[in-house]
Each structure stands twice: as structure tokens, then as C-alpha cells.
């Protein structure tokens, strides 16, 4: 379970970050709930893994408080950023 905990935290945080970013960008149509959630989860996993690879988060065990906080922040930010980028690309393609 200790190896899966960071991945689960990153996916859930990315899902939440993606939903927040998708709902904030609904003025122009948005991505929709399901697509925003999927993109957010993928971005959350990528963002969390990137922070882990860079050594951010204390480098302790997966149940260490700094590691959990790093997974939540990296996952949420990664999910929100990827969802916002895909939303902008989709919006730009729709206008063309």
C-alpha cells in the first residue's frame, strides 16, 4: 500500500484540480465534467511524479507529512494546469 499511496493521492488531487480548472473556464463552453476529471487526473499524476523526481517533498516515506503535502500540491497544480492548457487549446481550435 505504501507504494500506491502517493499515486492515489496525486490522482485524486489532480481530479479535484482539473474539476476546479474546468469549472472556472466554463464561460466559453468548457471541457465538461468527465473530460476535465480525466485530464486533471492525468495531469495530477504527471505533476506529482515530476515533483517527486525533482526531490521536492522531503524524500521520506510515502506516509511522511511533507511527502503527502507534496503529492497533494503537485497533483492539484498539475491537474489544474493540464486542464487549463487543454481547455485553451480546445477553445482556440473551436474559434478557427
Protein backbone atom coordinates (compact mmCIF):
# COMPACT_ATOMS: atom_id res chain seq x y z
CA UNK A 1 0.00 0.00 0.00
CA UNK A 2 2.89 2.33 0.71
CA UNK A 3 3.94 2.38 -2.94
CA UNK A 4 0.40 3.09 -4.18
CA UNK A 5 -0.47 5.84 -1.68
CA UNK A 6 1.37 8.68 -3.48
CA UNK A 7 -0.18 7.68 -6.82
CA UNK A 8 -3.68 7.60 -5.34
CA UNK A 9 -3.16 10.99 -3.67
CA UNK A 10 -1.82 12.51 -6.90
CA UNK A 11 -4.73 11.15 -8.95
CA UNK A 12 -7.37 12.43 -6.50
CA UNK A 13 -5.68 15.83 -6.13
CA UNK A 14 -5.35 16.11 -9.91
CA UNK A 15 -9.00 15.18 -10.34
CA UNK A 16 -10.01 17.96 -7.94
CA UNK A 17 -7.64 20.47 -9.54
CA UNK A 18 -8.89 19.54 -13.00
CA UNK A 19 -12.52 19.96 -11.96
CA UNK A 20 -11.78 23.37 -10.45
CA UNK A 21 -9.96 24.50 -13.58
CA UNK A 22 -12.70 23.13 -15.86
CA UNK A 23 -15.45 24.85 -13.88
CA UNK A 24 -13.51 28.13 -13.86
CA UNK A 25 -13.19 28.03 -17.65
CA UNK A 26 -16.84 27.26 -18.45
CA UNK A 27 -17.50 30.74 -19.82
CA UNK A 28 -16.56 29.62 -23.31
CA UNK A 29 -18.19 26.21 -23.18
CA UNK A 30 -15.65 24.41 -21.01
CA UNK A 31 -14.46 20.85 -21.21
CA UNK A 32 -17.29 19.15 -19.37
CA UNK A 33 -17.10 17.26 -16.12
CA UNK A 34 -15.86 13.88 -17.28
CA UNK A 35 -13.17 15.18 -19.64
CA UNK A 36 -11.97 17.72 -17.07
CA UNK A 37 -11.73 14.97 -14.46
CA UNK A 38 -9.78 12.60 -16.70
CA UNK A 39 -7.37 15.28 -17.88
CA UNK A 40 -6.98 16.51 -14.31
CA UNK A 41 -6.15 13.03 -13.00
CA UNK A 42 -3.53 12.53 -15.74
CA UNK A 43 -2.05 15.96 -15.07
CA UNK A 44 -2.09 15.31 -11.33
CA UNK A 45 -0.17 12.10 -11.73
CA UNK A 46 2.34 13.84 -14.01
CA UNK A 47 2.73 16.84 -11.73
CA UNK A 48 3.14 14.75 -8.62
CA UNK A 49 5.67 12.46 -10.26
CA UNK A 50 7.59 15.47 -11.56
CA UNK A 51 7.88 16.94 -8.07
CA UNK A 52 8.95 13.57 -6.71
CA UNK A 53 11.60 13.25 -9.41
CA UNK A 54 12.89 16.73 -8.59
CA UNK A 55 13.22 15.71 -4.94
CA UNK A 56 10.58 18.09 -3.59
CA UNK A 57 8.73 16.81 -0.55
CA UNK A 58 11.33 15.73 1.92
CA UNK A 59 12.26 12.44 0.27
CA UNK A 60 10.89 10.42 3.18
CA UNK A 61 8.43 7.59 3.12
CA UNK A 62 5.08 7.96 1.37
CA UNK A 63 3.38 8.42 4.76
CA UNK A 64 5.68 11.30 5.70
CA UNK A 65 3.72 14.56 6.07
CA UNK A 66 5.93 16.50 3.64
CA UNK A 67 5.58 13.77 1.02
CA UNK A 68 1.80 13.80 1.34
CA UNK A 69 1.68 17.60 1.10
CA UNK A 70 3.97 17.49 -1.94
CA UNK A 71 1.74 14.89 -3.60
CA UNK A 72 -1.39 16.98 -2.94
CA UNK A 73 0.16 20.23 -4.18
CA UNK A 74 1.87 18.67 -7.19
CA UNK A 75 -1.20 16.66 -8.12
CA UNK A 76 -3.62 19.55 -7.75
CA UNK A 77 -1.42 22.02 -9.61
CA UNK A 78 -0.57 19.52 -12.35
CA UNK A 79 -4.23 18.67 -12.86
CA UNK A 80 -5.31 22.29 -12.96
CA UNK A 81 -2.52 23.33 -15.33
CA UNK A 82 -3.05 20.49 -17.80
CA UNK A 83 -6.83 21.02 -17.78
CA UNK A 84 -6.39 24.75 -18.38
CA UNK A 85 -3.96 24.15 -21.26
CA UNK A 86 -6.26 21.60 -22.91
CA UNK A 87 -9.22 23.94 -22.40
CA UNK A 88 -7.35 26.80 -24.09
CA UNK A 89 -6.31 24.57 -26.97
CA UNK A 90 -9.85 23.29 -27.39
CA UNK A 91 -11.23 26.83 -27.24
CA UNK A 92 -8.69 28.06 -29.77
CA UNK A 93 -9.46 25.20 -32.13
CA UNK A 94 -13.19 25.87 -31.83
CA UNK A 95 -12.77 29.52 -32.89
CA UNK A 96 -10.83 28.67 -36.04
